Amino acid sequence: MRRILAILMENEPGSLSRIVGLFSQRAFNIESLTVAPTNDNSLSRMTIATEGDDKVLEQIVKQVNKLIDVIKITDITDRQHIERELLLVKVAAVSDKARNDIKRITDIFRGSIVDIGKQVYTVQLTGDAEKLNAFIVAIEHETDIIESARSGCVGMARGDKALRL
């Protein structure tokens, strides 16, 4: 089952590697990992998307929670939550038809063209993984994808409850 973990941790050297190390020790794959400082520069927020056995993940969560750098860990998967990814995709825009198709599909998915070259457009799109995957399938039918990069999942629970001290 796919799980999304939100972790509030000290913004210290080595914190990230200690958390990721617990996953690798248990041979548990991380699908995506995002981490950045919060509005308090002494703290970072990490979002881990992973998939696998619930019992093993439960043990990892307990071990992560025991780490001195970790302030709080929350599994937001079963709660109402918002998750987003950023996709940058470079596509071939070699003809008027291809350029028009790229613009049309980008507009349908509420993306934006952020860079235009002689024969290449770079499209930016945000949304959940399903939306980004659907965009990739749609754009592949119209033109060639030259390169793509995804940020990985960032998520938080809905409502007034926050991941904080």
N, C-alpha and C. Protein backbone atom coordinates (compact mmCIF):
# COMPACT_ATOMS: atom_id res chain seq x y z
N MET A 1 0.84 -1.18 0.00
CA MET A 1 0.00 0.00 0.00
C MET A 1 0.88 1.24 0.00
N ARG A 2 0.48 2.25 -0.74
CA ARG A 2 1.23 3.51 -0.80
C ARG A 2 0.97 4.32 0.46
N ARG A 3 2.04 4.82 1.06
CA ARG A 3 1.94 5.61 2.29
C ARG A 3 2.67 6.93 2.09
N ILE A 4 2.16 7.99 2.73
CA ILE A 4 2.82 9.29 2.71
C ILE A 4 3.10 9.69 4.15
N LEU A 5 4.38 9.89 4.45
CA LEU A 5 4.81 10.25 5.79
C LEU A 5 5.29 11.70 5.80
N ALA A 6 4.81 12.47 6.76
CA ALA A 6 5.27 13.84 6.96
C ALA A 6 6.10 13.86 8.23
N ILE A 7 7.32 14.39 8.12
CA ILE A 7 8.24 14.37 9.25
C ILE A 7 8.73 15.79 9.53
N LEU A 8 8.62 16.22 10.77
CA LEU A 8 9.19 17.48 11.22
C LEU A 8 10.46 17.13 11.97
N MET A 9 11.57 17.74 11.55
CA MET A 9 12.86 17.35 12.13
C MET A 9 13.78 18.55 12.27
N GLU A 10 14.82 18.36 13.09
CA GLU A 10 15.84 19.39 13.26
C GLU A 10 16.56 19.58 11.92
N ASN A 11 16.85 20.82 11.59
CA ASN A 11 17.58 21.13 10.36
C ASN A 11 19.07 21.07 10.67
N GLU A 12 19.58 19.85 10.77
CA GLU A 12 20.97 19.60 11.15
C GLU A 12 21.64 18.66 10.15
N PRO A 13 22.96 18.80 9.97
CA PRO A 13 23.67 17.88 9.07
C PRO A 13 23.51 16.43 9.55
N GLY A 14 23.24 15.53 8.62
CA GLY A 14 23.12 14.11 8.95
C GLY A 14 21.72 13.65 9.27
N SER A 15 20.80 14.57 9.53
CA SER A 15 19.42 14.18 9.88
C SER A 15 18.77 13.38 8.76
N LEU A 16 18.89 13.86 7.56
CA LEU A 16 18.30 13.19 6.41
C LEU A 16 18.86 11.78 6.25
N SER A 17 20.17 11.64 6.33
CA SER A 17 20.79 10.32 6.11
C SER A 17 20.40 9.32 7.20
N ARG A 18 20.21 9.78 8.42
CA ARG A 18 19.79 8.86 9.49
C ARG A 18 18.38 8.32 9.24
N ILE A 19 17.50 9.18 8.77
CA ILE A 19 16.13 8.75 8.50
C ILE A 19 16.10 7.80 7.30
N VAL A 20 16.75 8.19 6.22
CA VAL A 20 16.78 7.35 5.03
C VAL A 20 17.48 6.03 5.32
N GLY A 21 18.47 6.05 6.19
CA GLY A 21 19.19 4.84 6.57
C GLY A 21 18.28 3.79 7.18
N LEU A 22 17.29 4.22 7.94
CA LEU A 22 16.35 3.26 8.53
C LEU A 22 15.54 2.54 7.45
N PHE A 23 15.21 3.25 6.39
CA PHE A 23 14.48 2.62 5.28
C PHE A 23 15.38 1.62 4.57
N SER A 24 16.62 2.01 4.30
CA SER A 24 17.51 1.12 3.55
C SER A 24 17.91 -0.11 4.38
N GLN A 25 18.04 0.04 5.70
CA GLN A 25 18.37 -1.11 6.55
C GLN A 25 17.30 -2.18 6.46
N ARG A 26 16.07 -1.78 6.27
CA ARG A 26 14.96 -2.72 6.17
C ARG A 26 14.62 -3.07 4.73
N ALA A 27 15.47 -2.65 3.78
CA ALA A 27 15.25 -2.89 2.34
C ALA A 27 13.88 -2.38 1.91
N PHE A 28 13.52 -1.20 2.40
CA PHE A 28 12.24 -0.59 2.11
C PHE A 28 12.49 0.56 1.13
N ASN A 29 11.84 0.53 -0.02
CA ASN A 29 12.08 1.52 -1.07
C ASN A 29 11.35 2.83 -0.79
N ILE A 30 12.02 3.94 -1.04
CA ILE A 30 11.41 5.26 -0.98
C ILE A 30 11.05 5.66 -2.40
N GLU A 31 9.76 5.87 -2.64
CA GLU A 31 9.28 6.26 -3.97
C GLU A 31 9.68 7.70 -4.28
N SER A 32 9.48 8.60 -3.31
CA SER A 32 9.92 9.98 -3.48
C SER A 32 10.23 10.57 -2.11
N LEU A 33 11.11 11.55 -2.13
CA LEU A 33 11.57 12.18 -0.90
C LEU A 33 11.75 13.66 -1.17
N THR A 34 11.10 14.48 -0.38
CA THR A 34 11.30 15.93 -0.47
C THR A 34 11.60 16.45 0.92
N VAL A 35 12.49 17.41 0.99
CA VAL A 35 12.84 18.00 2.28
C VAL A 35 13.28 19.45 2.06
N ALA A 36 12.84 20.32 2.96
CA ALA A 36 13.22 21.72 2.89
C ALA A 36 12.98 22.37 4.25
N PRO A 37 13.68 23.47 4.53
CA PRO A 37 13.42 24.18 5.79
C PRO A 37 11.99 24.69 5.85
N THR A 38 11.47 24.83 7.06
CA THR A 38 10.14 25.39 7.28
C THR A 38 10.27 26.89 7.48
N ASN A 39 9.20 27.53 7.93
CA ASN A 39 9.28 28.97 8.24
C ASN A 39 10.19 29.22 9.44
N ASP A 40 10.47 28.20 10.23
CA ASP A 40 11.47 28.24 11.30
C ASP A 40 12.72 27.56 10.74
N ASN A 41 13.77 28.33 10.46
CA ASN A 41 14.96 27.79 9.80
C ASN A 41 15.69 26.70 10.58
N SER A 42 15.36 26.52 11.86
CA SER A 42 15.99 25.46 12.63
C SER A 42 15.30 24.11 12.41
N LEU A 43 14.17 24.13 11.70
CA LEU A 43 13.40 22.91 11.44
C LEU A 43 13.24 22.66 9.95
N SER A 44 13.18 21.40 9.57
CA SER A 44 12.89 21.01 8.20
C SER A 44 11.67 20.11 8.19
N ARG A 45 11.00 20.11 7.06
CA ARG A 45 9.86 19.21 6.87
C ARG A 45 10.23 18.26 5.74
N MET A 46 10.06 16.98 6.00
CA MET A 46 10.36 15.95 5.03
C MET A 46 9.06 15.23 4.69
N THR A 47 8.87 14.95 3.41
CA THR A 47 7.74 14.13 2.98
C THR A 47 8.31 12.92 2.26
N ILE A 48 7.92 11.75 2.71
CA ILE A 48 8.36 10.50 2.10
C ILE A 48 7.14 9.77 1.57
N ALA A 49 7.17 9.43 0.29
CA ALA A 49 6.15 8.56 -0.29
C ALA A 49 6.81 7.20 -0.48
N THR A 50 6.14 6.17 -0.02
CA THR A 50 6.70 4.82 -0.09
C THR A 50 5.58 3.83 -0.30
N GLU A 51 5.96 2.64 -0.68
CA GLU A 51 4.96 1.60 -0.89
C GLU A 51 5.52 0.28 -0.39
N GLY A 52 4.70 -0.46 0.34
CA GLY A 52 5.16 -1.75 0.83
C GLY A 52 4.34 -2.27 1.97
N ASP A 53 4.90 -3.24 2.66
CA ASP A 53 4.26 -3.95 3.76
C ASP A 53 3.99 -3.01 4.94
N ASP A 54 2.74 -2.99 5.40
CA ASP A 54 2.34 -2.10 6.50
C ASP A 54 3.06 -2.41 7.81
N LYS A 55 3.31 -3.70 8.10
CA LYS A 55 3.98 -4.06 9.35
C LYS A 55 5.42 -3.54 9.38
N VAL A 56 6.12 -3.71 8.27
CA VAL A 56 7.50 -3.22 8.19
C VAL A 56 7.52 -1.70 8.31
N LEU A 57 6.61 -1.03 7.60
CA LEU A 57 6.55 0.43 7.66
C LEU A 57 6.25 0.91 9.07
N GLU A 58 5.37 0.21 9.78
CA GLU A 58 5.05 0.58 11.16
C GLU A 58 6.30 0.54 12.03
N GLN A 59 7.13 -0.46 11.85
CA GLN A 59 8.38 -0.56 12.60
C GLN A 59 9.34 0.57 12.24
N ILE A 60 9.41 0.89 10.96
CA ILE A 60 10.29 1.99 10.53
C ILE A 60 9.81 3.31 11.13
N VAL A 61 8.50 3.55 11.11
CA VAL A 61 7.95 4.78 11.68
C VAL A 61 8.30 4.88 13.17
N LYS A 62 8.18 3.78 13.89
CA LYS A 62 8.52 3.78 15.32
C LYS A 62 10.00 4.09 15.53
N GLN A 63 10.87 3.52 14.69
CA GLN A 63 12.31 3.78 14.81
C GLN A 63 12.66 5.21 14.41
N VAL A 64 12.01 5.72 13.36
CA VAL A 64 12.24 7.12 12.96
C VAL A 64 11.84 8.06 14.09
N ASN A 65 10.72 7.76 14.73
CA ASN A 65 10.22 8.60 15.81
C ASN A 65 11.19 8.64 17.00
N LYS A 66 12.01 7.61 17.16
CA LYS A 66 12.97 7.56 18.27
C LYS A 66 14.24 8.36 17.99
N LEU A 67 14.48 8.72 16.72
CA LEU A 67 15.68 9.47 16.39
C LEU A 67 15.65 10.84 17.07
N ILE A 68 16.78 11.27 17.58
CA ILE A 68 16.85 12.52 18.33
C ILE A 68 16.52 13.73 17.46
N ASP A 69 16.83 13.66 16.15
CA ASP A 69 16.57 14.78 15.25
C ASP A 69 15.09 14.93 14.90
N VAL A 70 14.30 13.86 15.09
CA VAL A 70 12.90 13.87 14.68
C VAL A 70 12.03 14.43 15.79
N ILE A 71 11.25 15.43 15.42
CA ILE A 71 10.33 16.05 16.38
C ILE A 71 8.97 15.35 16.31
N LYS A 72 8.51 15.09 15.08
CA LYS A 72 7.21 14.43 14.93
C LYS A 72 7.15 13.76 13.56
N ILE A 73 6.51 12.60 13.53
CA ILE A 73 6.26 11.90 12.26
C ILE A 73 4.78 11.55 12.21
N THR A 74 4.16 11.80 11.06
CA THR A 74 2.74 11.53 10.89
C THR A 74 2.51 10.85 9.56
N ASP A 75 1.72 9.78 9.57
CA ASP A 75 1.29 9.12 8.35
C ASP A 75 -0.01 9.81 7.93
N ILE A 76 0.05 10.57 6.85
CA ILE A 76 -1.13 11.35 6.43
C ILE A 76 -1.98 10.62 5.39
N THR A 77 -1.60 9.42 5.05
CA THR A 77 -2.26 8.69 3.96
C THR A 77 -3.75 8.51 4.20
N ASP A 78 -4.13 8.07 5.38
CA ASP A 78 -5.53 7.76 5.66
C ASP A 78 -6.34 8.96 6.12
N ARG A 79 -5.69 10.09 6.27
CA ARG A 79 -6.40 11.32 6.65
C ARG A 79 -6.70 12.11 5.39
N GLN A 80 -7.65 13.03 5.50
CA GLN A 80 -7.86 13.93 4.36
C GLN A 80 -6.60 14.77 4.23
N HIS A 81 -6.05 14.78 3.04
CA HIS A 81 -4.80 15.50 2.84
C HIS A 81 -4.70 16.05 1.42
N ILE A 82 -3.74 16.92 1.26
CA ILE A 82 -3.44 17.50 -0.05
C ILE A 82 -2.03 17.04 -0.40
N GLU A 83 -1.86 16.57 -1.62
CA GLU A 83 -0.51 16.22 -2.06
C GLU A 83 -0.30 16.79 -3.45
N ARG A 84 0.91 17.25 -3.69
CA ARG A 84 1.26 17.84 -4.96
C ARG A 84 2.67 17.43 -5.35
N GLU A 85 2.90 17.42 -6.65
CA GLU A 85 4.23 17.24 -7.22
C GLU A 85 4.42 18.33 -8.26
N LEU A 86 5.66 18.61 -8.58
CA LEU A 86 6.00 19.52 -9.66
C LEU A 86 6.65 18.69 -10.76
N LEU A 87 6.23 18.90 -11.99
CA LEU A 87 6.81 18.24 -13.16
C LEU A 87 7.34 19.30 -14.10
N LEU A 88 8.58 19.15 -14.52
CA LEU A 88 9.14 19.92 -15.63
C LEU A 88 9.40 18.92 -16.74
N VAL A 89 8.88 19.20 -17.91
CA VAL A 89 9.07 18.28 -19.04
C VAL A 89 9.45 19.08 -20.28
N LYS A 90 10.53 18.64 -20.91
CA LYS A 90 11.02 19.27 -22.13
C LYS A 90 10.53 18.43 -23.29
N VAL A 91 9.81 19.08 -24.23
CA VAL A 91 9.21 18.36 -25.35
C VAL A 91 9.63 18.97 -26.69
N ALA A 92 9.63 18.13 -27.71
CA ALA A 92 9.98 18.58 -29.06
C ALA A 92 8.84 19.41 -29.64
N ALA A 93 9.18 20.61 -30.09
CA ALA A 93 8.20 21.52 -30.70
C ALA A 93 8.73 21.90 -32.08
N VAL A 94 8.77 20.91 -32.97
CA VAL A 94 9.45 21.08 -34.25
C VAL A 94 8.54 21.56 -35.38
N SER A 95 7.25 21.55 -35.14
CA SER A 95 6.32 22.00 -36.18
C SER A 95 5.22 22.85 -35.54
N ASP A 96 4.49 23.57 -36.37
CA ASP A 96 3.36 24.37 -35.87
C ASP A 96 2.32 23.47 -35.21
N LYS A 97 2.08 22.30 -35.82
CA LYS A 97 1.11 21.36 -35.24
C LYS A 97 1.56 20.91 -33.86
N ALA A 98 2.83 20.54 -33.71
CA ALA A 98 3.35 20.10 -32.41
C ALA A 98 3.25 21.23 -31.38
N ARG A 99 3.60 22.44 -31.77
CA ARG A 99 3.52 23.58 -30.84
C ARG A 99 2.08 23.82 -30.39
N ASN A 100 1.14 23.76 -31.34
CA ASN A 100 -0.28 23.94 -31.00
C ASN A 100 -0.78 22.82 -30.10
N ASP A 101 -0.38 21.58 -30.38
CA ASP A 101 -0.79 20.45 -29.55
C ASP A 101 -0.24 20.57 -28.13
N ILE A 102 1.02 20.96 -28.03
CA ILE A 102 1.64 21.13 -26.70
C ILE A 102 0.89 22.20 -25.92
N LYS A 103 0.61 23.34 -26.56
CA LYS A 103 -0.11 24.43 -25.90
C LYS A 103 -1.51 23.98 -25.46
N ARG A 104 -2.22 23.27 -26.35
CA ARG A 104 -3.58 22.81 -26.04
C ARG A 104 -3.58 21.85 -24.84
N ILE A 105 -2.70 20.85 -24.88
CA ILE A 105 -2.65 19.86 -23.79
C ILE A 105 -2.21 20.51 -22.49
N THR A 106 -1.23 21.40 -22.57
CA THR A 106 -0.77 22.11 -21.37
C THR A 106 -1.90 22.92 -20.76
N ASP A 107 -2.68 23.60 -21.58
CA ASP A 107 -3.82 24.38 -21.08
C ASP A 107 -4.88 23.48 -20.44
N ILE A 108 -5.16 22.34 -21.06
CA ILE A 108 -6.16 21.40 -20.52
C ILE A 108 -5.75 20.95 -19.12
N PHE A 109 -4.46 20.70 -18.91
CA PHE A 109 -3.97 20.22 -17.63
C PHE A 109 -3.59 21.36 -16.68
N ARG A 110 -3.89 22.60 -17.08
CA ARG A 110 -3.60 23.80 -16.28
C ARG A 110 -2.12 23.95 -15.95
N GLY A 111 -1.30 23.63 -16.94
CA GLY A 111 0.14 23.82 -16.80
C GLY A 111 0.55 25.11 -17.46
N SER A 112 1.86 25.32 -17.55
CA SER A 112 2.35 26.51 -18.23
C SER A 112 3.64 26.18 -18.96
N ILE A 113 3.83 26.85 -20.07
CA ILE A 113 5.07 26.73 -20.81
C ILE A 113 6.02 27.76 -20.21
N VAL A 114 7.13 27.27 -19.64
CA VAL A 114 8.03 28.16 -18.90
C VAL A 114 9.31 28.50 -19.65
N ASP A 115 9.54 27.80 -20.78
CA ASP A 115 10.71 28.11 -21.59
C ASP A 115 10.44 27.67 -23.02
N ILE A 116 10.84 28.54 -23.96
CA ILE A 116 10.64 28.25 -25.37
C ILE A 116 11.99 28.37 -26.07
N GLY A 117 12.37 27.29 -26.74
CA GLY A 117 13.57 27.29 -27.57
C GLY A 117 13.16 27.20 -29.03
N LYS A 118 14.14 27.06 -29.91
CA LYS A 118 13.84 26.98 -31.35
C LYS A 118 12.94 25.79 -31.66
N GLN A 119 13.24 24.64 -31.07
CA GLN A 119 12.46 23.43 -31.35
C GLN A 119 12.09 22.67 -30.08
N VAL A 120 12.13 23.37 -28.94
CA VAL A 120 11.88 22.72 -27.66
C VAL A 120 11.04 23.64 -26.77
N TYR A 121 10.02 23.09 -26.15
CA TYR A 121 9.24 23.79 -25.12
C TYR A 121 9.48 23.07 -23.80
N THR A 122 9.56 23.83 -22.71
CA THR A 122 9.59 23.25 -21.38
C THR A 122 8.29 23.60 -20.69
N VAL A 123 7.59 22.57 -20.22
CA VAL A 123 6.29 22.72 -19.59
C VAL A 123 6.42 22.46 -18.09
N GLN A 124 5.73 23.28 -17.31
CA GLN A 124 5.67 23.11 -15.86
C GLN A 124 4.24 22.73 -15.50
N LEU A 125 4.11 21.73 -14.64
CA LEU A 125 2.79 21.26 -14.24
C LEU A 125 2.84 20.84 -12.78
N THR A 126 1.80 21.18 -12.02
CA THR A 126 1.70 20.73 -10.64
C THR A 126 0.40 19.95 -10.47
N GLY A 127 0.42 19.02 -9.54
CA GLY A 127 -0.78 18.23 -9.25
C GLY A 127 -0.39 16.95 -8.56
N ASP A 128 -1.36 16.07 -8.40
CA ASP A 128 -1.04 14.78 -7.80
C ASP A 128 -0.41 13.88 -8.86
N ALA A 129 0.10 12.75 -8.44
CA ALA A 129 0.83 11.85 -9.34
C ALA A 129 -0.03 11.39 -10.51
N GLU A 130 -1.31 11.13 -10.26
CA GLU A 130 -2.20 10.68 -11.33
C GLU A 130 -2.32 11.73 -12.43
N LYS A 131 -2.44 12.98 -12.05
CA LYS A 131 -2.56 14.07 -13.04
C LYS A 131 -1.29 14.17 -13.87
N LEU A 132 -0.13 14.13 -13.20
CA LEU A 132 1.13 14.24 -13.92
C LEU A 132 1.33 13.05 -14.86
N ASN A 133 0.99 11.86 -14.41
CA ASN A 133 1.10 10.67 -15.26
C ASN A 133 0.18 10.78 -16.48
N ALA A 134 -1.03 11.28 -16.26
CA ALA A 134 -1.98 11.45 -17.37
C ALA A 134 -1.47 12.47 -18.38
N PHE A 135 -0.85 13.54 -17.89
CA PHE A 135 -0.27 14.54 -18.78
C PHE A 135 0.83 13.91 -19.65
N ILE A 136 1.69 13.14 -19.02
CA ILE A 136 2.79 12.51 -19.76
C ILE A 136 2.24 11.60 -20.86
N VAL A 137 1.22 10.82 -20.54
CA VAL A 137 0.62 9.93 -21.55
C VAL A 137 0.03 10.77 -22.69
N ALA A 138 -0.68 11.84 -22.35
CA ALA A 138 -1.31 12.68 -23.37
C ALA A 138 -0.27 13.37 -24.26
N ILE A 139 0.77 13.89 -23.67
CA ILE A 139 1.77 14.64 -24.46
C ILE A 139 2.60 13.70 -25.32
N GLU A 140 2.83 12.46 -24.84
CA GLU A 140 3.59 11.47 -25.61
C GLU A 140 2.89 11.10 -26.91
N HIS A 141 1.55 11.22 -26.94
CA HIS A 141 0.81 10.91 -28.16
C HIS A 141 0.99 11.98 -29.22
N GLU A 142 1.41 13.17 -28.81
CA GLU A 142 1.51 14.30 -29.73
C GLU A 142 2.93 14.67 -30.13
N THR A 143 3.90 14.41 -29.25
CA THR A 143 5.27 14.81 -29.53
C THR A 143 6.23 13.96 -28.69
N ASP A 144 7.51 14.14 -28.93
CA ASP A 144 8.52 13.39 -28.18
C ASP A 144 8.90 14.12 -26.91
N ILE A 145 9.04 13.36 -25.82
CA ILE A 145 9.56 13.91 -24.58
C ILE A 145 11.07 13.79 -24.64
N ILE A 146 11.74 14.92 -24.45
CA ILE A 146 13.20 14.96 -24.50
C ILE A 146 13.78 14.67 -23.12
N GLU A 147 13.16 15.26 -22.11
CA GLU A 147 13.67 15.13 -20.74
C GLU A 147 12.55 15.50 -19.78
N SER A 148 12.56 14.88 -18.60
CA SER A 148 11.59 15.26 -17.57
C SER A 148 12.21 15.16 -16.19
N ALA A 149 11.69 15.96 -15.28
CA ALA A 149 12.12 15.94 -13.88
C ALA A 149 10.88 16.16 -13.01
N ARG A 150 10.81 15.38 -11.92
CA ARG A 150 9.68 15.50 -10.99
C ARG A 150 10.23 15.76 -9.60
N SER A 151 9.50 16.56 -8.85
CA SER A 151 9.95 16.93 -7.51
C SER A 151 9.73 15.83 -6.50
N GLY A 152 8.75 14.99 -6.70
CA GLY A 152 8.34 14.05 -5.67
C GLY A 152 7.19 14.65 -4.89
N CYS A 153 6.56 13.83 -4.12
CA CYS A 153 5.35 14.20 -3.39
C CYS A 153 5.64 15.15 -2.23
N VAL A 154 4.84 16.19 -2.12
CA VAL A 154 4.80 17.05 -0.94
C VAL A 154 3.36 17.01 -0.46
N GLY A 155 3.15 16.79 0.82
CA GLY A 155 1.78 16.68 1.30
C GLY A 155 1.59 17.20 2.70
N MET A 156 0.34 17.54 3.00
CA MET A 156 -0.03 17.91 4.36
C MET A 156 -1.51 17.61 4.59
N ALA A 157 -1.83 17.36 5.85
CA ALA A 157 -3.20 17.06 6.22
C ALA A 157 -4.07 18.29 6.05
N ARG A 158 -5.32 18.07 5.70
CA ARG A 158 -6.28 19.18 5.59
C ARG A 158 -6.71 19.61 6.99
N GLY A 159 -7.27 20.80 7.04
CA GLY A 159 -7.84 21.29 8.31
C GLY A 159 -6.85 22.08 9.13
N ASP A 160 -7.23 22.32 10.38
CA ASP A 160 -6.44 23.20 11.24
C ASP A 160 -5.34 22.51 12.02
N LYS A 161 -5.27 21.18 11.97
CA LYS A 161 -4.20 20.48 12.66
C LYS A 161 -2.91 20.62 11.85
N ALA A 162 -1.81 20.88 12.53
CA ALA A 162 -0.54 21.08 11.84
C ALA A 162 0.52 20.16 12.40
N LEU A 163 1.50 19.89 11.59
CA LEU A 163 2.66 19.12 12.01
C LEU A 163 3.63 20.12 12.63
N ARG A 164 3.57 20.26 13.94
CA ARG A 164 4.43 21.22 14.64
C ARG A 164 4.73 20.74 16.03
N LEU A 165 5.57 21.52 16.70
CA LEU A 165 6.00 21.18 18.06
C LEU A 165 4.84 21.00 19.01
